Amino acid sequence: MSVIFRVILIVACFFAAIACYLFGVPVGGIVFVILGVVFEGLFWIGIFGKKKKSSNPESK
């Protein structure tokens, strides 16, 4: 996955979480709040997700 695509996907998850929170909290829609939590989780996993292992034999 290219770096630019990953950054765009992470930012999209961030804005989707904010949109779900903004819509769900005033209306009382628990589904949107849960979706906000899911998108926020995807955002944080995208930021701090697991790193790829180096295939360099010298690093072992």
Protein backbone atom coordinates (compact mmCIF):
# COMPACT_ATOMS: atom_id res chain seq x y z
CA MET A 1 0.00 0.00 0.00
CA SER A 2 1.43 3.34 -0.95
CA VAL A 3 2.17 5.90 1.71
CA ILE A 4 -0.11 8.54 0.19
CA PHE A 5 -3.06 6.13 0.04
CA ARG A 6 -2.48 5.14 3.66
CA VAL A 7 -2.38 8.78 4.79
CA ILE A 8 -5.57 9.56 2.88
CA LEU A 9 -7.29 6.53 4.44
CA ILE A 10 -6.20 7.53 7.96
CA VAL A 11 -7.40 11.11 7.49
CA ALA A 12 -10.72 9.85 6.07
CA CYS A 13 -11.23 7.66 9.16
CA PHE A 14 -10.50 10.67 11.37
CA PHE A 15 -13.06 12.87 9.64
CA ALA A 16 -15.62 10.05 9.52
CA ALA A 17 -15.26 9.62 13.28
CA ILE A 18 -15.77 13.34 13.86
CA ALA A 19 -18.81 13.38 11.57
CA CYS A 20 -20.36 10.40 13.35
CA TYR A 21 -19.78 12.01 16.76
CA LEU A 22 -21.24 15.33 15.61
CA PHE A 23 -24.34 13.67 14.21
CA GLY A 24 -24.82 10.99 16.85
CA VAL A 25 -24.39 12.87 20.11
CA PRO A 26 -27.04 15.60 19.70
CA VAL A 27 -29.56 13.26 18.10
CA GLY A 28 -28.95 10.49 20.59
CA GLY A 29 -28.12 7.98 17.89
CA ILE A 30 -26.07 5.31 19.62
CA VAL A 31 -25.31 3.72 16.23
CA PHE A 32 -23.46 6.85 15.10
CA VAL A 33 -21.55 7.08 18.35
CA ILE A 34 -20.49 3.43 17.96
CA LEU A 35 -19.49 4.10 14.36
CA GLY A 36 -17.48 7.07 15.58
CA VAL A 37 -15.65 4.83 18.04
CA VAL A 38 -14.95 2.31 15.27
CA PHE A 39 -13.59 4.97 12.91
CA GLU A 40 -11.52 6.49 15.70
CA GLY A 41 -10.07 3.06 16.48
CA LEU A 42 -9.19 2.59 12.81
CA PHE A 43 -7.52 6.00 12.87
CA TRP A 44 -5.33 5.15 15.87
CA ILE A 45 -4.49 1.72 14.47
CA GLY A 46 -3.47 3.43 11.22
CA ILE A 47 -1.23 5.86 13.08
CA PHE A 48 0.38 3.38 15.48
CA GLY A 49 -0.18 0.14 13.55
CA LYS A 50 2.37 -2.61 13.40
CA LYS A 51 5.44 -1.94 11.36
CA LYS A 52 6.64 -4.15 8.54
CA LYS A 53 9.60 -6.38 9.24
CA SER A 54 12.77 -5.54 7.43
CA SER A 55 13.89 -8.16 4.93
CA ASN A 56 17.50 -7.07 5.41
CA PRO A 57 19.49 -10.11 6.72
CA GLU A 58 22.04 -7.80 8.39
CA SER A 59 19.40 -6.42 10.80
CA LYS A 60 19.02 -9.81 12.55
